[in-house]
Protein backbone atom coordinates (compact mmCIF):
# COMPACT_ATOMS: atom_id res chain seq x y z
CA MET A 1 14.74 -97.92 52.96
CA ALA A 2 11.66 -95.77 52.90
CA ASP A 3 11.16 -94.11 49.53
CA MET A 4 9.56 -91.16 51.28
CA PHE A 5 12.66 -89.00 51.63
CA PHE A 6 15.98 -88.34 50.00
CA VAL A 7 18.91 -86.34 51.35
CA GLU A 8 20.26 -83.90 48.78
CA SER A 9 23.75 -82.88 49.83
CA PRO A 10 27.24 -82.82 48.31
CA TYR A 11 28.30 -84.91 51.31
CA VAL A 12 25.86 -87.78 50.64
CA THR A 13 26.09 -90.26 47.77
CA TYR A 14 23.43 -92.83 46.89
CA THR A 15 24.37 -95.84 44.80
CA LYS A 16 22.46 -99.01 44.02
CA ASP A 17 24.29 -100.82 46.81
CA SER A 18 25.00 -98.23 49.49
CA ILE A 19 24.52 -94.83 51.05
CA GLU A 20 27.81 -93.05 51.70
CA ALA A 21 27.88 -89.93 53.86
CA GLN A 22 30.65 -87.61 54.98
CA TYR A 23 30.07 -86.42 58.51
CA SER A 24 31.81 -84.01 60.86
CA TYR A 25 31.68 -85.43 64.39
CA GLN A 26 31.83 -82.60 66.93
CA THR A 27 33.07 -83.34 70.46
CA THR A 28 34.40 -81.32 73.38
CA GLU A 29 37.63 -82.22 75.15
CA VAL A 30 38.07 -81.12 78.77
CA PHE A 31 41.48 -81.20 80.46
CA GLN A 32 43.46 -79.54 83.22
CA GLU A 33 46.58 -77.50 82.56
CA ASN A 34 48.50 -75.40 85.07
CA GLY A 35 45.68 -75.70 87.56
CA LYS A 36 43.06 -74.51 85.08
CA VAL A 37 40.28 -76.45 83.40
CA LYS A 38 40.47 -75.97 79.66
CA VAL A 39 37.77 -76.83 77.15
CA LYS A 40 38.63 -77.56 73.53
CA PRO A 41 36.08 -78.10 70.74
CA CYS A 42 37.15 -80.95 68.45
CA SER A 43 36.01 -82.15 65.05
CA THR A 44 36.63 -85.53 63.42
CA LYS A 45 35.69 -86.23 59.81
CA PHE A 46 33.91 -89.55 59.32
CA THR A 47 32.72 -91.37 56.22
CA PHE A 48 29.77 -93.70 56.86
CA CYS A 49 28.77 -96.43 54.41
CA THR A 50 25.45 -98.27 54.80
CA GLU A 51 24.55 -101.26 52.64
CA ARG A 52 21.07 -100.75 51.21
CA LYS A 53 20.16 -104.38 50.56
CA VAL A 54 18.12 -105.75 53.46
CA PRO A 55 18.82 -109.46 54.01
CA LYS A 56 16.36 -112.21 54.85
CA LEU A 57 16.78 -112.46 58.62
CA GLY A 58 16.45 -115.53 60.79
CA VAL A 59 16.19 -115.23 64.56
CA MET A 60 16.86 -118.17 66.86
CA LEU A 61 15.53 -117.79 70.39
CA ILE A 62 16.80 -119.74 73.38
CA GLY A 63 13.62 -120.19 75.40
CA TRP A 64 11.46 -120.16 72.27
CA GLY A 65 8.65 -121.96 74.08
CA GLY A 66 8.54 -119.47 76.95
CA ASN A 67 6.28 -116.47 77.38
CA ASN A 68 8.51 -114.07 75.45
CA GLY A 69 9.35 -116.54 72.69
CA THR A 70 5.76 -117.54 72.00
CA THR A 71 4.48 -113.98 72.27
CA VAL A 72 6.98 -112.41 69.87
CA THR A 73 6.45 -115.24 67.35
CA ALA A 74 2.67 -114.89 67.63
CA ALA A 75 2.87 -111.11 67.29
CA VAL A 76 4.90 -111.31 64.08
CA LEU A 77 2.52 -113.89 62.61
CA ALA A 78 -0.53 -111.82 63.61
CA ASN A 79 0.93 -108.72 61.97
CA LYS A 80 2.00 -110.61 58.87
CA LEU A 81 -1.49 -112.13 58.51
CA GLY A 82 -3.24 -108.84 59.35
CA LEU A 83 -5.32 -110.45 62.10
CA SER A 84 -8.10 -108.81 64.11
CA TRP A 85 -9.92 -110.23 67.12
CA MET A 86 -12.68 -109.31 69.52
CA THR A 87 -12.18 -108.54 73.20
CA LYS A 88 -14.63 -107.37 75.84
CA THR A 89 -13.70 -103.78 74.97
CA GLY A 90 -14.06 -104.17 71.21
CA SER A 91 -12.09 -105.21 68.15
CA LYS A 92 -8.29 -105.14 68.22
CA ASP A 93 -5.87 -105.15 65.30
CA ALA A 94 -2.37 -106.60 65.28
CA ASN A 95 0.29 -103.94 65.83
CA TYR A 96 3.83 -103.38 67.02
CA TYR A 97 3.14 -100.91 69.82
CA GLY A 98 6.10 -100.69 72.17
CA SER A 99 8.67 -101.08 69.39
CA LEU A 100 11.13 -98.20 69.07
CA PHE A 101 11.50 -98.69 65.34
CA GLN A 102 7.99 -99.78 64.34
CA ALA A 103 5.87 -97.49 66.54
CA SER A 104 7.87 -94.31 67.24
CA THR A 105 8.99 -91.38 65.13
CA VAL A 106 11.99 -89.08 64.81
CA CYS A 107 12.18 -85.47 63.73
CA LEU A 108 13.79 -85.41 60.31
CA GLY A 109 14.00 -81.64 60.01
CA THR A 110 11.89 -78.53 59.66
CA GLY A 111 9.39 -77.87 56.89
CA PRO A 112 6.77 -75.24 56.04
CA ALA A 113 4.42 -76.55 58.73
CA GLY A 114 7.11 -76.94 61.39
CA ASP A 115 8.98 -80.02 62.56
CA TYR A 116 8.63 -82.96 60.17
CA TYR A 117 8.47 -86.44 61.70
CA VAL A 118 9.02 -89.81 60.05
CA PRO A 119 8.82 -93.35 61.44
CA PHE A 120 12.09 -94.38 63.07
CA LYS A 121 12.21 -97.43 60.79
CA ASP A 122 12.36 -95.18 57.73
CA LEU A 123 15.68 -93.50 58.55
CA LEU A 124 17.74 -96.32 57.02
CA PRO A 125 17.03 -99.64 55.26
CA MET A 126 15.83 -102.00 58.00
CA VAL A 127 14.40 -105.49 58.25
CA ASN A 128 10.60 -105.59 58.32
CA PRO A 129 9.64 -107.67 61.37
CA ASN A 130 6.92 -109.36 59.31
CA ASP A 131 9.71 -110.95 57.26
CA ILE A 132 11.65 -112.43 60.19
CA ILE A 133 11.82 -116.24 60.30
CA PHE A 134 11.89 -117.72 63.81
CA ASP A 135 13.41 -120.90 65.18
CA GLY A 136 14.98 -121.81 68.49
CA TRP A 137 15.52 -124.07 71.45
CA ASP A 138 13.68 -124.83 74.68
CA ILE A 139 14.02 -127.34 77.51
CA SER A 140 10.26 -127.92 77.13
CA SER A 141 9.11 -129.99 74.14
CA MET A 142 5.72 -128.28 73.91
CA ASN A 143 4.90 -126.95 70.43
CA LEU A 144 4.45 -123.19 70.18
CA ALA A 145 0.66 -123.30 69.92
CA ASP A 146 0.35 -125.19 73.20
CA ALA A 147 3.12 -123.11 74.76
CA MET A 148 1.24 -119.95 73.77
CA GLN A 149 -1.83 -121.32 75.55
CA ARG A 150 0.29 -122.19 78.59
CA ALA A 151 1.69 -118.64 78.70
CA LYS A 152 -1.81 -117.08 79.00
CA VAL A 153 -0.64 -113.81 77.47
CA LEU A 154 -2.78 -113.37 74.35
CA ASP A 155 -6.57 -113.16 74.05
CA TRP A 156 -8.22 -116.50 73.38
CA GLU A 157 -9.81 -115.55 70.06
CA LEU A 158 -6.40 -114.46 68.76
CA GLN A 159 -4.84 -117.72 69.97
CA GLU A 160 -7.47 -119.71 68.07
CA GLN A 161 -6.60 -117.86 64.85
CA LEU A 162 -2.87 -118.38 65.39
CA ARG A 163 -2.99 -122.02 66.47
CA PRO A 164 -2.91 -123.52 62.91
CA HIS A 165 0.18 -121.42 62.16
CA MET A 166 2.02 -122.30 65.38
CA ARG A 167 1.21 -125.94 66.11
CA ASN A 168 3.98 -127.17 63.81
CA LEU A 169 6.63 -124.91 65.32
CA GLN A 170 8.68 -127.17 67.56
CA PRO A 171 11.61 -126.03 69.72
CA ARG A 172 14.90 -127.86 69.30
CA PRO A 173 16.35 -129.63 72.37
CA SER A 174 18.23 -127.20 74.59
CA ILE A 175 21.04 -127.26 77.14
CA TYR A 176 19.85 -128.07 80.65
CA ILE A 177 22.26 -127.81 83.56
CA PRO A 178 20.14 -127.81 86.75
CA ALA A 179 22.73 -125.94 88.83
CA PHE A 180 22.27 -122.75 86.80
CA ILE A 181 18.49 -122.29 87.09
CA ALA A 182 15.92 -122.79 89.83
CA ALA A 183 15.08 -126.36 90.86
CA ASN A 184 11.40 -125.62 90.18
CA GLN A 185 12.12 -125.70 86.42
CA LYS A 186 12.85 -129.43 86.44
CA ASP A 187 9.28 -130.42 85.56
CA ARG A 188 9.53 -128.52 82.25
CA ALA A 189 12.82 -130.12 81.20
CA ASP A 190 11.72 -132.89 78.82
CA ASN A 191 13.56 -131.64 75.72
CA VAL A 192 17.23 -131.53 76.62
CA LEU A 193 20.51 -132.24 74.86
CA GLN A 194 22.43 -135.30 75.98
CA GLY A 195 26.19 -135.70 76.26
CA SER A 196 28.72 -132.91 76.79
CA LYS A 197 29.66 -131.48 73.37
CA PHE A 198 26.78 -129.04 73.48
CA GLU A 199 28.36 -126.32 71.36
CA GLN A 200 28.77 -128.73 68.44
CA GLN A 201 25.05 -129.54 68.39
CA ILE A 202 24.08 -125.87 68.73
CA ARG A 203 26.31 -125.03 65.78
CA LYS A 204 24.70 -127.84 63.75
CA ASP A 205 21.26 -126.47 64.67
CA ILE A 206 22.20 -122.99 63.44
CA GLN A 207 23.57 -124.42 60.20
CA ASP A 208 20.47 -126.58 59.75
CA PHE A 209 18.11 -123.64 60.29
CA LYS A 210 20.03 -121.42 57.89
CA THR A 211 20.03 -124.09 55.19
CA LYS A 212 16.38 -125.13 55.48
CA SER A 213 14.92 -121.63 55.89
CA GLY A 214 17.07 -119.94 53.25
CA VAL A 215 17.82 -116.95 55.47
CA ASP A 216 20.87 -114.81 54.74
CA LYS A 217 21.71 -114.07 58.37
CA VAL A 218 20.98 -115.57 61.77
CA ILE A 219 20.91 -113.68 65.06
CA VAL A 220 20.67 -115.67 68.30
CA LEU A 221 18.95 -114.21 71.37
CA TRP A 222 18.64 -115.61 74.89
CA THR A 223 15.15 -115.15 76.32
CA ALA A 224 15.20 -118.22 78.55
CA ASN A 225 15.36 -118.47 82.33
CA THR A 226 17.62 -116.20 84.35
CA GLU A 227 20.71 -118.11 85.43
CA CYS A 228 22.72 -117.64 88.60
CA PHE A 229 25.90 -115.62 88.26
CA CYS A 230 28.93 -117.70 87.35
CA ASP A 231 32.45 -117.14 88.64
CA VAL A 232 35.20 -115.80 86.42
CA VAL A 233 38.01 -118.31 86.94
CA HIS A 234 41.58 -117.85 85.79
CA GLY A 235 42.47 -120.51 83.24
CA ILE A 236 38.82 -121.45 82.65
CA ASN A 237 36.83 -118.56 81.16
CA ASP A 238 39.08 -115.49 81.48
CA THR A 239 40.40 -115.49 77.89
CA ALA A 240 39.19 -116.82 74.55
CA GLU A 241 41.94 -119.45 74.51
CA ASN A 242 41.11 -120.72 78.00
CA LEU A 243 37.40 -120.64 77.25
CA MET A 244 37.80 -122.77 74.12
CA LYS A 245 40.05 -125.17 76.01
CA THR A 246 37.29 -125.55 78.60
CA VAL A 247 34.73 -126.16 75.85
CA LEU A 248 36.88 -128.78 74.11
CA GLN A 249 37.56 -130.57 77.39
CA GLY A 250 33.86 -130.65 78.27
CA GLY A 251 34.33 -128.40 81.30
CA GLU A 252 31.35 -126.83 83.04
CA MET A 253 30.02 -123.62 81.58
CA SER A 254 26.70 -121.84 81.88
CA PRO A 255 24.22 -122.72 79.10
CA SER A 256 23.93 -119.06 78.06
CA SER A 257 27.72 -118.79 77.64
CA MET A 258 27.76 -122.08 75.72
CA PHE A 259 25.13 -120.74 73.32
CA ALA A 260 27.18 -117.56 72.97
CA VAL A 261 30.30 -119.53 72.06
CA ALA A 262 28.44 -121.59 69.44
CA SER A 263 26.85 -118.48 67.93
CA ILE A 264 30.15 -116.60 67.75
CA LEU A 265 31.90 -119.55 66.10
CA GLU A 266 29.09 -119.60 63.51
CA GLY A 267 29.51 -115.86 62.89
CA CYS A 268 26.09 -115.06 64.36
CA ALA A 269 25.47 -112.05 66.59
CA TYR A 270 24.40 -113.07 70.10
CA ILE A 271 22.19 -111.03 72.44
CA ASN A 272 21.61 -111.80 76.11
CA GLY A 273 18.06 -110.88 77.12
CA SER A 274 18.46 -111.98 80.76
CA PRO A 275 20.52 -110.54 83.64
CA GLN A 276 23.12 -113.25 84.26
CA ASN A 277 26.79 -112.65 83.41
CA THR A 278 26.79 -114.62 80.17
CA PHE A 279 29.56 -112.44 78.80
CA VAL A 280 32.48 -113.54 80.93
CA PRO A 281 35.83 -112.11 79.73
CA GLY A 282 36.55 -115.18 77.62
CA VAL A 283 33.29 -114.82 75.67
CA ILE A 284 33.91 -111.12 75.02
CA ASP A 285 37.46 -111.90 73.91
CA LEU A 286 36.18 -114.63 71.58
CA ALA A 287 33.63 -112.26 70.02
CA MET A 288 36.30 -109.63 69.40
CA LYS A 289 38.66 -112.17 67.83
CA HIS A 290 35.91 -113.33 65.46
CA ASN A 291 34.57 -109.80 64.85
CA VAL A 292 31.05 -110.86 65.86
CA PHE A 293 28.56 -108.61 67.64
CA ILE A 294 27.39 -109.38 71.16
CA GLY A 295 24.95 -107.33 73.22
CA GLY A 296 22.94 -107.22 76.43
CA ASP A 297 22.15 -107.58 79.24
CA ASP A 298 18.51 -108.06 80.30
CA LEU A 299 15.50 -106.58 78.50
CA LYS A 300 14.56 -103.12 79.80
CA SER A 301 10.79 -103.08 79.51
CA GLY A 302 8.82 -101.77 82.49
CA GLN A 303 9.83 -100.65 85.96
CA THR A 304 13.50 -100.15 85.12
CA LYS A 305 12.72 -98.10 82.02
CA ILE A 306 10.60 -95.73 84.11
CA LYS A 307 13.37 -95.58 86.72
CA SER A 308 15.96 -94.56 84.12
CA VAL A 309 13.70 -91.68 83.12
CA LEU A 310 12.51 -90.53 86.53
CA VAL A 311 15.90 -90.50 88.28
CA ASP A 312 17.40 -88.70 85.30
CA PHE A 313 14.68 -86.05 85.68
CA LEU A 314 15.12 -85.73 89.45
CA VAL A 315 18.91 -85.43 89.40
CA SER A 316 18.86 -83.11 86.36
CA ALA A 317 16.35 -80.91 88.18
CA GLY A 318 18.72 -80.59 91.13
CA LEU A 319 16.72 -82.84 93.46
CA LYS A 320 18.78 -85.26 95.53
CA THR A 321 17.24 -88.71 95.31
CA VAL A 322 18.26 -90.50 98.51
CA SER A 323 16.09 -93.63 98.49
CA ILE A 324 14.64 -95.88 95.80
CA VAL A 325 12.54 -98.86 96.80
CA SER A 326 11.20 -101.11 94.03
CA TYR A 327 8.76 -103.93 94.73
CA ASN A 328 7.51 -106.39 92.08
CA HIS A 329 5.29 -109.41 91.99
CA LEU A 330 4.45 -111.55 88.99
CA GLY A 331 3.16 -115.03 88.27
CA ASN A 332 4.69 -116.20 85.01
CA ASN A 333 7.53 -118.71 84.72
CA ASP A 334 10.09 -115.92 84.93
CA GLY A 335 8.70 -115.06 88.36
CA LYS A 336 8.76 -118.72 89.34
CA ASN A 337 12.42 -119.05 88.39
CA LEU A 338 13.31 -115.77 90.13
CA SER A 339 11.81 -117.04 93.38
CA ALA A 340 15.09 -118.92 93.87
CA PRO A 341 17.68 -116.75 95.71
CA GLN A 342 20.59 -117.21 93.28
CA GLN A 343 18.52 -116.35 90.22
CA PHE A 344 16.95 -113.37 92.02
CA ARG A 345 20.43 -112.06 92.80
CA SER A 346 21.21 -111.85 89.06
CA LYS A 347 18.05 -109.80 88.50
CA GLU A 348 18.67 -107.64 91.56
CA ILE A 349 22.09 -106.61 90.28
CA SER A 350 20.80 -105.66 86.82
CA LYS A 351 17.91 -103.62 88.26
CA SER A 352 20.00 -101.87 90.94
CA ASN A 353 22.79 -100.36 88.82
CA VAL A 354 20.49 -98.45 86.49
CA VAL A 355 20.87 -95.08 88.24
CA ASP A 356 24.65 -95.03 88.76
CA ASP A 357 25.70 -92.80 85.85
CA MET A 358 22.94 -90.27 86.59
CA VAL A 359 24.04 -89.98 90.22
CA GLN A 360 27.70 -89.64 89.24
CA SER A 361 26.84 -86.83 86.82
CA ASN A 362 25.99 -84.42 89.66
CA PRO A 363 28.81 -83.86 92.20
CA ILE A 364 26.83 -80.94 93.63
CA LEU A 365 24.29 -83.39 95.04
CA TYR A 366 26.42 -86.47 95.66
CA LYS A 367 29.86 -86.82 97.20
CA PRO A 368 32.28 -89.37 95.69
CA SER A 369 31.02 -92.93 96.31
CA GLU A 370 27.70 -91.57 97.65
CA LYS A 371 24.54 -92.93 96.05
CA PRO A 372 20.88 -93.48 96.96
CA ASP A 373 19.75 -96.39 99.11
CA HIS A 374 18.33 -98.81 96.56
CA CYS A 375 16.24 -101.86 97.41
CA VAL A 376 14.69 -104.28 94.89
CA VAL A 377 12.14 -106.95 95.85
CA ILE A 378 10.60 -109.57 93.52
CA LYS A 379 7.90 -112.01 94.65
CA TYR A 380 6.19 -114.88 92.86
CA VAL A 381 2.37 -114.77 92.88
CA PRO A 382 1.05 -117.38 90.41
CA TYR A 383 -2.46 -115.94 90.09
CA VAL A 384 -1.39 -112.67 88.40
CA GLY A 385 0.41 -114.57 85.61
CA ASP A 386 2.15 -112.35 83.05
CA SER A 387 0.58 -109.20 84.51
CA LYS A 388 3.51 -107.91 86.54
CA ARG A 389 2.79 -105.39 89.32
CA ALA A 390 5.45 -102.88 90.30
CA LEU A 391 5.38 -100.39 93.16
CA ASP A 392 8.14 -97.77 93.40
CA GLU A 393 8.91 -95.16 96.02
CA TYR A 394 11.39 -92.37 95.27
CA THR A 395 12.43 -90.12 98.15
CA SER A 396 14.40 -86.95 97.39
CA GLU A 397 15.81 -84.12 99.45
CA ILE A 398 14.65 -80.72 98.23
CA MET A 399 15.40 -77.12 99.20
CA MET A 400 16.08 -76.20 102.84
CA GLY A 401 15.70 -79.67 104.32
CA GLY A 402 12.42 -80.54 102.61
CA ILE A 403 11.50 -84.05 101.49
CA ASN A 404 9.71 -85.04 98.29
CA THR A 405 8.29 -88.56 97.87
CA ILE A 406 6.97 -89.96 94.60
CA VAL A 407 5.09 -93.27 94.62
CA LEU A 408 4.24 -95.10 91.38
CA HIS A 409 2.13 -98.18 90.76
CA ASN A 410 2.69 -99.86 87.42
CA THR A 411 0.81 -102.85 86.04
CA CYS A 412 2.44 -104.18 82.90
CA GLU A 413 1.93 -107.29 80.82
CA ASP A 414 5.50 -108.47 80.91
CA SER A 415 5.81 -110.39 77.65
CA LEU A 416 3.85 -107.83 75.64
CA LEU A 417 6.39 -105.21 76.68
CA ALA A 418 9.41 -107.47 76.17
CA SER A 419 8.48 -108.82 72.73
CA PRO A 420 8.80 -105.50 70.85
CA LEU A 421 12.22 -105.04 72.46
CA ILE A 422 13.32 -108.41 71.08
CA LEU A 423 12.37 -107.22 67.61
CA ASP A 424 14.17 -103.90 68.09
CA LEU A 425 17.31 -105.66 69.33
CA VAL A 426 17.61 -107.98 66.34
CA ILE A 427 16.63 -105.30 63.80
CA LEU A 428 19.15 -102.78 65.15
CA THR A 429 21.87 -105.43 65.42
CA GLU A 430 21.29 -106.50 61.82
CA LEU A 431 21.40 -102.88 60.64
CA CYS A 432 24.70 -102.32 62.45
CA GLN A 433 26.14 -105.30 60.56
CA ARG A 434 25.62 -103.28 57.35
CA ILE A 435 27.22 -100.05 58.60
CA THR A 436 30.94 -99.36 58.27
CA PHE A 437 32.86 -96.13 58.77
CA ARG A 438 36.30 -94.58 58.63
CA THR A 439 38.04 -91.39 59.71
CA GLU A 440 40.56 -89.17 57.96
CA SER A 441 43.36 -90.46 60.18
CA ASP A 442 42.31 -94.12 59.74
CA PRO A 443 41.15 -94.52 56.12
CA GLU A 444 40.33 -98.24 56.31
CA PHE A 445 36.63 -98.94 56.85
CA GLN A 446 35.75 -100.63 60.16
CA THR A 447 32.63 -101.88 61.90
CA PHE A 448 31.25 -101.08 65.32
CA HIS A 449 33.04 -102.64 68.30
CA SER A 450 32.04 -106.26 68.86
CA VAL A 451 30.42 -105.20 72.15
CA LEU A 452 27.48 -103.43 70.54
CA SER A 453 26.75 -100.74 73.11
CA ILE A 454 24.29 -98.93 70.82
CA LEU A 455 21.77 -101.52 72.10
CA SER A 456 21.87 -99.91 75.58
CA TYR A 457 18.44 -98.29 75.21
CA LEU A 458 16.89 -101.75 75.19
CA CYS A 459 18.86 -103.28 78.08
CA LYS A 460 18.70 -102.95 81.87
CA ALA A 461 22.43 -103.52 82.39
CA PRO A 462 24.09 -102.29 79.18
CA LEU A 463 27.16 -104.20 78.06
CA VAL A 464 29.86 -101.77 76.88
CA PRO A 465 33.48 -102.15 75.73
CA ALA A 466 36.03 -102.21 78.54
CA GLY A 467 37.00 -98.75 79.72
CA THR A 468 34.03 -96.96 78.15
CA PRO A 469 31.23 -95.23 80.07
CA VAL A 470 27.98 -97.01 80.90
CA ILE A 471 25.01 -94.82 80.00
CA ASN A 472 21.65 -95.64 81.61
CA SER A 473 19.76 -92.39 81.00
CA LEU A 474 16.97 -93.37 78.60
CA PHE A 475 16.94 -90.03 76.78
CA ARG A 476 20.68 -90.16 76.12
CA GLN A 477 20.44 -93.79 74.96
CA ARG A 478 17.66 -93.05 72.47
CA THR A 479 19.39 -89.90 71.23
CA CYS A 480 22.53 -91.96 70.60
CA ILE A 481 20.67 -94.34 68.27
CA GLU A 482 18.89 -91.52 66.47
CA ASN A 483 22.00 -89.42 65.93
CA ILE A 484 24.15 -92.33 64.72
CA LEU A 485 21.49 -93.19 62.15
CA ARG A 486 21.29 -89.52 61.15
CA ALA A 487 25.08 -89.47 60.75
CA CYS A 488 24.75 -92.33 58.26
CA LEU A 489 22.70 -89.90 56.16
CA GLY A 490 25.07 -86.97 56.65
CA LEU A 491 22.52 -85.20 58.84
CA PRO A 492 23.56 -83.25 61.95
CA PRO A 493 22.39 -84.41 65.38
CA GLN A 494 19.15 -83.11 66.79
CA ASN A 495 20.27 -80.42 69.24
CA HIS A 496 16.86 -78.88 70.04
CA MET A 497 18.34 -75.36 69.95
CA HIS A 498 15.77 -73.98 67.46
CA LEU A 499 17.83 -70.83 67.04
CA GLU A 500 15.75 -69.79 64.04
CA HIS A 501 12.80 -69.31 66.40
CA ARG A 502 14.71 -67.46 69.11
CA MET A 503 16.11 -64.56 67.08
CA GLN A 504 14.79 -61.16 66.12
CA ARG A 505 16.06 -61.68 62.56
CA SER A 506 16.06 -65.34 61.59
CA PHE A 507 18.69 -66.78 59.26
CA VAL A 508 15.97 -68.87 57.57
CA THR A 509 15.21 -66.93 54.41
CA ASN A 510 13.00 -69.19 52.37
CA ARG A 511 10.71 -72.15 52.91
CA THR A 512 8.96 -73.26 49.76
CA ALA A 513 6.91 -76.17 48.52
CA ASP A 514 7.41 -77.30 44.94
CA HIS A 515 4.63 -78.24 42.54
CA ASN A 516 5.08 -81.97 43.15
CA GLY A 517 4.28 -81.78 46.82
CA LYS A 518 7.92 -81.86 47.86
CA PHE A 519 9.22 -79.25 50.22
CA MET A 520 12.62 -77.72 50.58
CA LEU A 521 14.30 -75.94 53.45
CA SER A 522 16.85 -73.33 52.41
CA CYS A 523 19.17 -71.75 54.95
CA VAL A 524 21.64 -68.93 54.68
CA ALA A 525 25.02 -70.19 55.87
CA CYS A 526 26.16 -68.09 58.81
CA LEU A 527 28.77 -68.95 61.41
CA VAL A 528 27.80 -72.32 62.88
CA VAL A 529 24.76 -72.89 60.67
CA ARG A 530 25.35 -75.53 58.03
CA ILE A 531 23.34 -75.60 54.78
CA SER A 532 21.25 -78.75 54.58
CA THR A 533 18.69 -79.34 51.84
CA ILE A 534 16.21 -82.17 52.25
CA PHE A 535 13.66 -83.33 49.71
CA LEU A 536 10.67 -85.18 51.05
CA ILE A 537 8.57 -87.17 48.65
């Protein structure tokens, strides 16, 4: 944890091992009674406990030799080594731009000079990405230095500096079932597992990595090719029992689901960074039975992230978006694989559902079951490589029959946007493994649900527990992460009301700085205002 701030409150206790915070969770219940809609404010008392010791984290990537795998590994090495390199526009330094935790801030509170911001990573004890140890699997045997060169993502001078550190990184043989990915991937498949008991070898690989590297925890993440959707079949993959029976009998299963099974059985969290339906009901059931986190689906990095912001803005502003057309072309191996119809269909589904909750939130604009026309096109153009081009057209109805059209062109280096998200996913997942909580009515500490929906901000098609709402609005997703982490410190959610600045006579009576450079915010308790004293060092 950052030593830069300390929460002083009777509701927060720091020990050598943990931070324990009492927190009042405020919600609003809406129900109908006798033909009337009634609204009832509710409060639930929570106790959050966060382990302070940060473990040594190992991350195993499926598709380690691909563009994302090589780029995220290279980025961590470059940051750890403090590398700089020359480009045609000047010198560049290694950084983690694009990472929610490493490169963005949150408002901690208000001080003498106004709002006080701290790095997101300093809210709670988190893994430093420089300390992550990587390993993984790939159907290509190419070492990571050569695979980095093949990917054509990083500047050449940087690659030359990284090559000595990456040439000895060799992907482990992976599962290759041709029916699940495009036929054009066959020429890369020279590093594949033989036989049928794949999950046993994957489990041995995880055990081997953990033993040899000395890591305390392993998180497994799929960043390999998009697979075609697989059918949910009764008696095959619909329950944990049937799924394990299928595994033991050597029945067919998608590679991503097989990796998920092996990871869960090893007690390792598993994250799906691609759009296919890895998490069939049997896999979810297995994760819940073993109390292991799973999360996904599909990294939300470029066009879809913008879409989840723009449509939220349009609908919230009372503008009726009636048509969304999204065109992409890219030339990396992801684009090559997606040029096959079945794999494209997986991606199309994950990119198309991103606006559903925002549309459903406004019954003034949209009738039940009404939603915008939404078309997604992806084309493979080898020349552009990892530099993905996206063109979006948003058409909305405005006042009195008017039409508003917004057209965006977005050029994004795909793997350089995806790699920080991989780091955020594993860092947040690891943090959640150290957080437990309880309520007054249920005094036994529990963890988050195995389906780790707090990861939604980072995913195109968020996986959530059955029967719970899917949130795609980017602002709401980020606010969720921030406020849960604040709750772990006994801090109220950021509500942006700023009542102290909107009154003739403010309730804020004293803002002082002490002689050691610390500052303190003192509030007079009145009605809904809760006293909160924060020391910043």
